[in-house]
């Protein structure tokens, strides 16, 4: 997953249990949360009930060749967790891959790509990327995003994950 010899950067860290009032969670509503204190990293998302999917967009100030992991877990921990990892290949092309971390914390590429419809752009040091992730992928390594349509809609997901330089 991570090319040898390239540093892993701590980028943004946050934990959130995002509670969305049912009245406000209409199909087109976009929600957002800063993932760091400086505002250099922001998560935007929308719930697509028709497709049973979470639509995600991240705007982040990143150094060149850095990687970024957006993770989903019960308590905001990087492991065990499900991740969508943005990184650049040796040609400098952005890639987004589905990965998971077990109890040991090792990040592993998932055999099935569930971070879908990847788009990205980079202007200066600001990277914007977006993808779609089903609420339930039926993949044993993927976190089930629980969205409840009763009084509250809650995404029990963690837009977290970040590790210190390894």
N, C-alpha and C. Protein backbone atom coordinates (compact mmCIF):
# COMPACT_ATOMS: atom_id res chain seq x y z
N UNK A 1 0.83 -1.18 0.00
CA UNK A 1 0.00 0.00 0.00
C UNK A 1 0.87 1.24 0.00
N UNK A 2 1.86 1.31 0.87
CA UNK A 2 2.70 2.48 1.00
C UNK A 2 4.06 2.19 0.36
N UNK A 3 4.43 2.99 -0.65
CA UNK A 3 5.72 2.75 -1.30
C UNK A 3 6.87 2.89 -0.31
N UNK A 4 7.86 1.99 -0.37
CA UNK A 4 8.99 2.04 0.56
C UNK A 4 9.78 3.33 0.38
N UNK A 5 10.35 3.81 1.48
CA UNK A 5 11.21 4.97 1.42
C UNK A 5 10.48 6.30 1.44
N UNK A 6 9.16 6.29 1.37
CA UNK A 6 8.42 7.55 1.42
C UNK A 6 7.89 7.74 2.83
N UNK A 7 8.03 8.96 3.38
CA UNK A 7 7.54 9.19 4.74
C UNK A 7 6.02 9.15 4.79
N UNK A 8 5.52 8.71 5.93
CA UNK A 8 4.09 8.78 6.20
C UNK A 8 3.88 10.03 7.03
N UNK A 9 2.94 10.84 6.66
CA UNK A 9 2.72 12.12 7.33
C UNK A 9 1.48 12.09 8.18
N UNK A 10 1.57 12.75 9.31
CA UNK A 10 0.37 13.02 10.10
C UNK A 10 -0.29 14.23 9.45
N UNK A 11 -1.53 14.10 9.07
CA UNK A 11 -2.16 15.17 8.30
C UNK A 11 -3.26 15.87 9.07
N UNK A 12 -4.29 15.18 9.38
CA UNK A 12 -5.43 15.76 10.08
C UNK A 12 -5.96 14.70 11.02
N UNK A 13 -6.50 15.12 12.12
CA UNK A 13 -7.08 14.14 13.03
C UNK A 13 -8.37 14.67 13.61
N UNK A 14 -9.34 13.83 13.66
CA UNK A 14 -10.61 14.21 14.28
C UNK A 14 -11.41 12.96 14.52
N UNK A 15 -12.31 13.06 15.45
CA UNK A 15 -13.26 11.98 15.67
C UNK A 15 -14.61 12.63 15.74
N UNK A 16 -15.56 12.00 15.11
CA UNK A 16 -16.91 12.58 15.18
C UNK A 16 -17.94 11.48 15.10
N UNK A 17 -18.94 11.60 15.92
CA UNK A 17 -20.16 10.83 15.75
C UNK A 17 -21.12 11.87 15.24
N UNK A 18 -21.44 11.80 13.97
CA UNK A 18 -22.17 12.86 13.31
C UNK A 18 -23.66 12.58 13.40
N UNK A 19 -24.34 13.34 14.21
CA UNK A 19 -25.78 13.18 14.36
C UNK A 19 -26.48 14.19 13.46
N UNK A 20 -27.34 13.71 12.62
CA UNK A 20 -28.02 14.56 11.66
C UNK A 20 -29.51 14.54 11.93
N UNK A 21 -30.12 15.68 12.21
CA UNK A 21 -31.57 15.68 12.41
C UNK A 21 -32.27 15.17 11.16
N UNK A 22 -33.26 14.33 11.32
CA UNK A 22 -33.96 13.74 10.18
C UNK A 22 -34.55 14.80 9.28
N UNK A 23 -35.07 15.89 9.83
CA UNK A 23 -35.67 16.95 9.03
C UNK A 23 -34.64 17.63 8.14
N UNK A 24 -33.39 17.70 8.60
CA UNK A 24 -32.36 18.39 7.83
C UNK A 24 -31.64 17.47 6.85
N UNK A 25 -31.84 16.17 6.97
CA UNK A 25 -31.06 15.23 6.18
C UNK A 25 -31.74 14.93 4.85
N UNK A 26 -32.17 15.98 4.16
CA UNK A 26 -32.77 15.71 2.86
C UNK A 26 -31.68 15.30 1.88
N UNK A 27 -32.11 14.77 0.75
CA UNK A 27 -31.20 14.16 -0.22
C UNK A 27 -30.07 15.09 -0.67
N UNK A 28 -30.31 16.40 -0.74
CA UNK A 28 -29.29 17.28 -1.28
C UNK A 28 -28.45 17.99 -0.24
N UNK A 29 -28.76 17.84 1.03
CA UNK A 29 -28.04 18.58 2.07
C UNK A 29 -26.60 18.11 2.19
N UNK A 30 -25.68 19.08 2.20
CA UNK A 30 -24.27 18.79 2.37
C UNK A 30 -23.88 19.19 3.79
N UNK A 31 -23.24 18.29 4.51
CA UNK A 31 -22.77 18.53 5.86
C UNK A 31 -21.26 18.68 5.82
N UNK A 32 -20.69 19.34 6.83
CA UNK A 32 -19.24 19.47 6.86
C UNK A 32 -18.74 19.53 8.30
N UNK A 33 -17.47 19.19 8.46
CA UNK A 33 -16.81 19.27 9.76
C UNK A 33 -15.31 19.48 9.50
N UNK A 34 -14.69 20.45 10.21
CA UNK A 34 -13.23 20.58 10.08
C UNK A 34 -12.56 19.39 10.77
N UNK A 35 -11.48 18.91 10.17
CA UNK A 35 -10.77 17.76 10.74
C UNK A 35 -9.51 18.17 11.49
N UNK A 36 -9.25 19.46 11.55
CA UNK A 36 -8.12 19.94 12.33
C UNK A 36 -8.44 21.34 12.85
N UNK A 37 -7.66 21.80 13.80
CA UNK A 37 -7.91 23.09 14.45
C UNK A 37 -7.66 24.28 13.55
N UNK A 38 -6.82 24.13 12.53
CA UNK A 38 -6.46 25.27 11.68
C UNK A 38 -7.41 25.44 10.50
N UNK A 39 -8.26 24.47 10.26
CA UNK A 39 -9.18 24.56 9.12
C UNK A 39 -8.52 24.19 7.80
N UNK A 40 -7.34 23.61 7.86
CA UNK A 40 -6.65 23.22 6.62
C UNK A 40 -7.13 21.88 6.08
N UNK A 41 -8.06 21.26 6.80
CA UNK A 41 -8.58 19.97 6.37
C UNK A 41 -10.06 19.91 6.75
N UNK A 42 -10.93 19.76 5.75
CA UNK A 42 -12.37 19.75 6.01
C UNK A 42 -13.01 18.58 5.28
N UNK A 43 -13.91 17.91 5.98
CA UNK A 43 -14.68 16.80 5.43
C UNK A 43 -16.09 17.31 5.10
N UNK A 44 -16.55 17.02 3.88
CA UNK A 44 -17.92 17.32 3.45
C UNK A 44 -18.56 15.99 3.10
N UNK A 45 -19.84 15.82 3.41
CA UNK A 45 -20.51 14.58 3.06
C UNK A 45 -21.99 14.82 2.82
N UNK A 46 -22.56 13.88 2.10
CA UNK A 46 -23.98 13.88 1.78
C UNK A 46 -24.46 12.45 1.83
N UNK A 47 -25.68 12.25 2.29
CA UNK A 47 -26.26 10.91 2.35
C UNK A 47 -27.13 10.70 1.12
N UNK A 48 -26.89 9.61 0.42
CA UNK A 48 -27.69 9.26 -0.76
C UNK A 48 -28.48 8.01 -0.40
N UNK A 49 -29.70 8.23 0.09
CA UNK A 49 -30.52 7.11 0.54
C UNK A 49 -30.94 6.21 -0.62
N UNK A 50 -31.16 6.81 -1.77
CA UNK A 50 -31.59 6.01 -2.93
C UNK A 50 -30.53 4.98 -3.31
N UNK A 51 -29.27 5.38 -3.29
CA UNK A 51 -28.17 4.47 -3.62
C UNK A 51 -27.57 3.80 -2.39
N UNK A 52 -28.12 4.14 -1.18
CA UNK A 52 -27.60 3.60 0.08
C UNK A 52 -26.10 3.86 0.20
N UNK A 53 -25.73 5.14 -0.01
CA UNK A 53 -24.31 5.47 -0.05
C UNK A 53 -24.01 6.79 0.66
N UNK A 54 -22.77 6.88 1.11
CA UNK A 54 -22.22 8.09 1.68
C UNK A 54 -21.37 8.72 0.58
N UNK A 55 -21.63 9.99 0.27
CA UNK A 55 -20.84 10.72 -0.72
C UNK A 55 -19.91 11.64 0.07
N UNK A 56 -18.62 11.51 -0.17
CA UNK A 56 -17.61 12.19 0.63
C UNK A 56 -16.76 13.09 -0.25
N UNK A 57 -16.41 14.26 0.30
CA UNK A 57 -15.42 15.13 -0.35
C UNK A 57 -14.53 15.68 0.76
N UNK A 58 -13.23 15.68 0.53
CA UNK A 58 -12.26 16.19 1.48
C UNK A 58 -11.47 17.30 0.80
N UNK A 59 -11.29 18.41 1.51
CA UNK A 59 -10.40 19.49 1.07
C UNK A 59 -9.28 19.56 2.09
N UNK A 60 -8.05 19.38 1.66
CA UNK A 60 -6.93 19.32 2.60
C UNK A 60 -5.69 19.98 2.04
N UNK A 61 -4.99 20.69 2.90
CA UNK A 61 -3.69 21.25 2.55
C UNK A 61 -2.67 20.15 2.84
N UNK A 62 -2.06 19.65 1.77
CA UNK A 62 -1.15 18.50 1.90
C UNK A 62 0.19 18.81 1.26
N UNK A 63 1.27 18.37 1.87
CA UNK A 63 2.57 18.51 1.22
C UNK A 63 2.64 17.57 0.01
N UNK A 64 3.52 17.85 -0.93
CA UNK A 64 3.65 16.96 -2.09
C UNK A 64 3.95 15.53 -1.65
N UNK A 65 3.37 14.58 -2.36
CA UNK A 65 3.60 13.14 -2.18
C UNK A 65 3.12 12.62 -0.82
N UNK A 66 2.30 13.39 -0.12
CA UNK A 66 1.75 12.94 1.16
C UNK A 66 0.61 11.97 0.88
N UNK A 67 0.23 11.23 1.90
CA UNK A 67 -0.94 10.36 1.78
C UNK A 67 -1.94 10.78 2.84
N UNK A 68 -3.17 10.38 2.64
CA UNK A 68 -4.25 10.78 3.53
C UNK A 68 -5.21 9.60 3.66
N UNK A 69 -5.58 9.26 4.89
CA UNK A 69 -6.51 8.15 5.12
C UNK A 69 -7.75 8.67 5.83
N UNK A 70 -8.89 8.40 5.27
CA UNK A 70 -10.16 8.70 5.92
C UNK A 70 -10.71 7.38 6.40
N UNK A 71 -10.97 7.27 7.69
CA UNK A 71 -11.32 5.97 8.25
C UNK A 71 -12.67 5.94 8.90
N UNK A 72 -13.17 4.72 9.05
CA UNK A 72 -14.46 4.46 9.66
C UNK A 72 -14.26 3.41 10.75
N UNK A 73 -14.63 3.77 11.99
CA UNK A 73 -14.49 2.83 13.09
C UNK A 73 -15.48 3.20 14.19
N UNK A 74 -15.61 2.33 15.17
CA UNK A 74 -16.57 2.57 16.25
C UNK A 74 -16.22 3.76 17.12
N UNK A 75 -14.99 3.93 17.50
CA UNK A 75 -14.63 4.93 18.49
C UNK A 75 -13.56 5.90 18.02
N UNK A 76 -13.39 6.05 16.73
CA UNK A 76 -12.41 7.00 16.22
C UNK A 76 -10.98 6.51 16.27
N UNK A 77 -10.82 5.23 16.48
CA UNK A 77 -9.47 4.66 16.53
C UNK A 77 -9.01 4.29 15.12
N UNK A 78 -7.71 4.40 14.84
CA UNK A 78 -7.21 4.01 13.52
C UNK A 78 -7.23 2.50 13.29
N UNK A 79 -7.37 1.73 14.37
CA UNK A 79 -7.42 0.27 14.24
C UNK A 79 -8.23 -0.29 15.40
N UNK A 80 -9.00 -1.30 15.17
CA UNK A 80 -9.38 -1.82 13.86
C UNK A 80 -10.29 -0.82 13.16
N UNK A 81 -10.11 -0.69 11.88
CA UNK A 81 -10.89 0.29 11.12
C UNK A 81 -10.83 -0.01 9.63
N UNK A 82 -11.74 0.63 8.94
CA UNK A 82 -11.86 0.57 7.48
C UNK A 82 -11.41 1.94 6.97
N UNK A 83 -10.66 1.97 5.86
CA UNK A 83 -10.09 3.23 5.38
C UNK A 83 -10.24 3.38 3.87
N UNK A 84 -10.32 4.63 3.44
CA UNK A 84 -10.13 4.99 2.04
C UNK A 84 -8.86 5.84 2.03
N UNK A 85 -7.83 5.37 1.33
CA UNK A 85 -6.50 5.98 1.41
C UNK A 85 -6.16 6.65 0.09
N UNK A 86 -5.85 7.95 0.16
CA UNK A 86 -5.39 8.73 -0.98
C UNK A 86 -3.87 8.74 -0.96
N UNK A 87 -3.25 8.45 -2.09
CA UNK A 87 -1.79 8.48 -2.19
C UNK A 87 -1.40 8.71 -3.64
N UNK A 88 -0.14 9.02 -3.89
CA UNK A 88 0.36 9.22 -5.25
C UNK A 88 1.26 8.06 -5.63
N UNK A 89 1.09 7.59 -6.86
CA UNK A 89 1.98 6.53 -7.34
C UNK A 89 3.31 7.13 -7.77
N UNK A 90 4.22 6.31 -8.26
CA UNK A 90 5.56 6.77 -8.61
C UNK A 90 5.55 7.77 -9.77
N UNK A 91 4.47 7.82 -10.52
CA UNK A 91 4.35 8.81 -11.60
C UNK A 91 3.68 10.11 -11.14
N UNK A 92 3.33 10.16 -9.86
CA UNK A 92 2.68 11.35 -9.32
C UNK A 92 1.18 11.40 -9.54
N UNK A 93 0.59 10.27 -9.94
CA UNK A 93 -0.86 10.21 -10.16
C UNK A 93 -1.56 9.83 -8.86
N UNK A 94 -2.62 10.58 -8.54
CA UNK A 94 -3.38 10.31 -7.33
C UNK A 94 -4.15 9.00 -7.47
N UNK A 95 -4.17 8.23 -6.39
CA UNK A 95 -4.88 6.96 -6.32
C UNK A 95 -5.72 6.96 -5.04
N UNK A 96 -6.84 6.28 -5.06
CA UNK A 96 -7.63 6.08 -3.85
C UNK A 96 -7.90 4.60 -3.73
N UNK A 97 -7.53 4.03 -2.59
CA UNK A 97 -7.69 2.59 -2.38
C UNK A 97 -8.40 2.29 -1.08
N UNK A 98 -9.19 1.25 -1.13
CA UNK A 98 -9.86 0.71 0.03
C UNK A 98 -8.82 -0.08 0.82
N UNK A 99 -8.76 0.15 2.12
CA UNK A 99 -7.80 -0.56 2.97
C UNK A 99 -8.46 -0.80 4.33
N UNK A 100 -7.81 -1.63 5.13
CA UNK A 100 -8.30 -1.89 6.47
C UNK A 100 -7.12 -2.11 7.40
N UNK A 101 -7.35 -1.84 8.66
CA UNK A 101 -6.32 -2.06 9.68
C UNK A 101 -6.91 -3.01 10.72
N UNK A 102 -6.18 -4.05 11.00
CA UNK A 102 -6.60 -5.02 12.01
C UNK A 102 -6.21 -4.54 13.40
N UNK A 103 -6.39 -5.42 14.37
CA UNK A 103 -6.04 -5.11 15.75
C UNK A 103 -4.58 -4.71 15.90
N UNK A 104 -3.70 -5.23 15.02
CA UNK A 104 -2.28 -4.92 15.10
C UNK A 104 -1.94 -3.55 14.55
N UNK A 105 -2.91 -2.85 13.93
CA UNK A 105 -2.69 -1.51 13.40
C UNK A 105 -2.08 -1.45 12.01
N UNK A 106 -1.70 -2.61 11.45
CA UNK A 106 -1.12 -2.63 10.10
C UNK A 106 -2.19 -2.32 9.07
N UNK A 107 -1.88 -1.41 8.16
CA UNK A 107 -2.79 -1.06 7.08
C UNK A 107 -2.59 -2.05 5.94
N UNK A 108 -3.70 -2.63 5.48
CA UNK A 108 -3.64 -3.64 4.41
C UNK A 108 -4.59 -3.25 3.29
N UNK A 109 -4.17 -3.49 2.06
CA UNK A 109 -5.04 -3.23 0.92
C UNK A 109 -6.20 -4.23 0.95
N UNK A 110 -7.40 -3.73 0.72
CA UNK A 110 -8.57 -4.60 0.66
C UNK A 110 -8.62 -5.24 -0.72
N UNK A 111 -9.03 -6.48 -0.78
CA UNK A 111 -9.12 -7.19 -2.06
C UNK A 111 -10.22 -6.61 -2.96
N UNK A 112 -11.22 -5.99 -2.34
CA UNK A 112 -12.34 -5.42 -3.09
C UNK A 112 -12.33 -3.91 -2.90
N UNK A 113 -12.37 -3.18 -4.00
CA UNK A 113 -12.35 -1.72 -3.95
C UNK A 113 -13.76 -1.18 -3.70
N UNK A 114 -14.01 -0.66 -2.49
CA UNK A 114 -15.33 -0.12 -2.15
C UNK A 114 -15.34 1.39 -2.00
N UNK A 115 -14.23 2.05 -2.23
CA UNK A 115 -14.16 3.51 -2.28
C UNK A 115 -14.30 3.86 -3.76
N UNK A 116 -15.51 4.13 -4.20
CA UNK A 116 -15.83 4.20 -5.63
C UNK A 116 -15.97 5.63 -6.14
N UNK A 117 -15.99 5.76 -7.46
CA UNK A 117 -16.22 7.03 -8.15
C UNK A 117 -15.24 8.11 -7.70
N UNK A 118 -13.98 7.76 -7.60
CA UNK A 118 -12.92 8.66 -7.15
C UNK A 118 -12.70 9.79 -8.15
N UNK A 119 -12.67 11.01 -7.62
CA UNK A 119 -12.32 12.21 -8.39
C UNK A 119 -11.39 13.04 -7.52
N UNK A 120 -10.49 13.79 -8.17
CA UNK A 120 -9.60 14.65 -7.39
C UNK A 120 -9.10 15.81 -8.23
N UNK A 121 -8.62 16.82 -7.53
CA UNK A 121 -7.94 17.93 -8.17
C UNK A 121 -6.95 18.48 -7.16
N UNK A 122 -5.90 19.08 -7.66
CA UNK A 122 -4.89 19.70 -6.78
C UNK A 122 -4.53 21.04 -7.37
N UNK A 123 -4.63 22.10 -6.55
CA UNK A 123 -4.23 23.44 -6.94
C UNK A 123 -3.27 23.94 -5.86
N UNK A 124 -2.02 24.12 -6.23
CA UNK A 124 -1.01 24.48 -5.23
C UNK A 124 -0.87 23.35 -4.24
N UNK A 125 -1.01 23.68 -2.96
CA UNK A 125 -0.89 22.63 -1.94
C UNK A 125 -2.25 22.17 -1.42
N UNK A 126 -3.33 22.56 -2.08
CA UNK A 126 -4.66 22.13 -1.68
C UNK A 126 -5.14 20.99 -2.57
N UNK A 127 -5.44 19.88 -1.94
CA UNK A 127 -5.97 18.71 -2.63
C UNK A 127 -7.44 18.56 -2.27
N UNK A 128 -8.25 18.34 -3.29
CA UNK A 128 -9.67 18.05 -3.09
C UNK A 128 -9.94 16.71 -3.72
N UNK A 129 -10.56 15.81 -2.97
CA UNK A 129 -10.90 14.52 -3.55
C UNK A 129 -12.27 14.09 -3.05
N UNK A 130 -12.92 13.27 -3.87
CA UNK A 130 -14.27 12.82 -3.55
C UNK A 130 -14.42 11.35 -3.93
N UNK A 131 -15.35 10.68 -3.24
CA UNK A 131 -15.65 9.29 -3.56
C UNK A 131 -17.01 8.94 -2.98
N UNK A 132 -17.50 7.78 -3.38
CA UNK A 132 -18.76 7.24 -2.88
C UNK A 132 -18.46 5.94 -2.16
N UNK A 133 -19.14 5.72 -1.04
CA UNK A 133 -18.97 4.48 -0.27
C UNK A 133 -20.35 4.00 0.17
N UNK A 134 -20.70 2.78 -0.15
CA UNK A 134 -21.98 2.23 0.27
C UNK A 134 -22.05 2.17 1.79
N UNK A 135 -23.25 2.33 2.35
CA UNK A 135 -23.43 2.19 3.79
C UNK A 135 -22.99 0.80 4.24
N UNK A 136 -23.37 -0.22 3.50
CA UNK A 136 -23.00 -1.60 3.82
C UNK A 136 -22.49 -2.26 2.55
N UNK A 137 -21.22 -2.60 2.51
CA UNK A 137 -20.60 -3.18 1.32
C UNK A 137 -20.65 -4.71 1.32
N UNK A 138 -21.01 -5.31 2.44
CA UNK A 138 -21.01 -6.77 2.63
C UNK A 138 -19.59 -7.33 2.61
N UNK A 139 -18.59 -6.48 2.73
CA UNK A 139 -17.19 -6.89 2.79
C UNK A 139 -16.84 -7.05 4.27
N UNK A 140 -16.28 -8.19 4.68
CA UNK A 140 -15.99 -8.39 6.10
C UNK A 140 -14.97 -7.41 6.67
N UNK A 141 -14.16 -6.77 5.82
CA UNK A 141 -13.18 -5.79 6.30
C UNK A 141 -13.72 -4.37 6.29
N UNK A 142 -14.93 -4.15 5.78
CA UNK A 142 -15.49 -2.81 5.70
C UNK A 142 -16.44 -2.54 6.85
N UNK A 143 -16.37 -1.34 7.36
CA UNK A 143 -17.22 -0.89 8.44
C UNK A 143 -18.62 -0.61 7.90
N UNK A 144 -19.64 -1.04 8.60
CA UNK A 144 -21.01 -0.76 8.21
C UNK A 144 -21.38 0.62 8.74
N UNK A 145 -21.69 1.54 7.84
CA UNK A 145 -22.09 2.88 8.23
C UNK A 145 -23.57 2.83 8.56
N UNK A 146 -23.89 3.08 9.82
CA UNK A 146 -25.27 2.96 10.26
C UNK A 146 -25.97 4.29 10.12
N UNK A 147 -26.96 4.32 9.27
CA UNK A 147 -27.76 5.52 9.07
C UNK A 147 -29.17 5.17 9.45
N UNK A 148 -29.70 5.89 10.41
CA UNK A 148 -31.01 5.60 10.98
C UNK A 148 -31.97 6.69 10.53
N UNK A 149 -33.06 6.33 9.91
CA UNK A 149 -33.99 7.31 9.36
C UNK A 149 -35.13 7.67 10.28
N UNK A 150 -35.08 7.33 11.56
CA UNK A 150 -36.18 7.64 12.48
C UNK A 150 -36.09 9.10 12.91
N UNK A 151 -35.87 9.35 14.19
CA UNK A 151 -35.79 10.72 14.68
C UNK A 151 -34.46 11.37 14.34
N UNK A 152 -33.41 10.59 14.29
CA UNK A 152 -32.08 11.10 13.96
C UNK A 152 -31.49 10.24 12.87
N UNK A 153 -30.68 10.85 12.06
CA UNK A 153 -29.84 10.10 11.14
C UNK A 153 -28.45 10.21 11.73
N UNK A 154 -27.83 9.10 11.99
CA UNK A 154 -26.49 9.16 12.58
C UNK A 154 -25.54 8.36 11.73
N UNK A 155 -24.46 8.97 11.39
CA UNK A 155 -23.39 8.24 10.71
C UNK A 155 -22.45 7.82 11.82
N UNK A 156 -22.41 6.54 12.09
CA UNK A 156 -21.52 6.05 13.13
C UNK A 156 -20.18 5.74 12.49
N UNK A 157 -19.61 6.77 11.93
CA UNK A 157 -18.35 6.61 11.21
C UNK A 157 -17.35 7.59 11.76
N UNK A 158 -16.11 7.28 11.59
CA UNK A 158 -15.07 8.13 12.11
C UNK A 158 -14.28 8.75 10.99
N UNK A 159 -14.44 10.02 10.74
CA UNK A 159 -13.57 10.68 9.78
C UNK A 159 -12.29 11.01 10.51
N UNK A 160 -11.42 10.03 10.63
CA UNK A 160 -10.32 10.21 11.53
C UNK A 160 -9.02 9.96 10.88
N UNK A 161 -8.29 9.36 11.56
CA UNK A 161 -7.21 8.56 11.20
C UNK A 161 -5.98 9.14 10.85
N UNK A 162 -5.37 9.37 11.72
CA UNK A 162 -4.15 9.78 11.23
C UNK A 162 -3.10 9.36 12.20
N UNK A 163 -2.01 9.14 11.63
CA UNK A 163 -0.91 8.57 12.39
C UNK A 163 0.23 9.55 12.37
N UNK A 164 1.10 9.42 13.34
CA UNK A 164 2.29 10.25 13.36
C UNK A 164 3.28 9.69 12.34
N UNK A 165 4.30 10.47 12.04
CA UNK A 165 5.30 10.03 11.07
C UNK A 165 5.94 8.75 11.56
N UNK A 166 5.96 7.73 10.70
CA UNK A 166 6.50 6.42 11.08
C UNK A 166 7.90 6.25 10.53
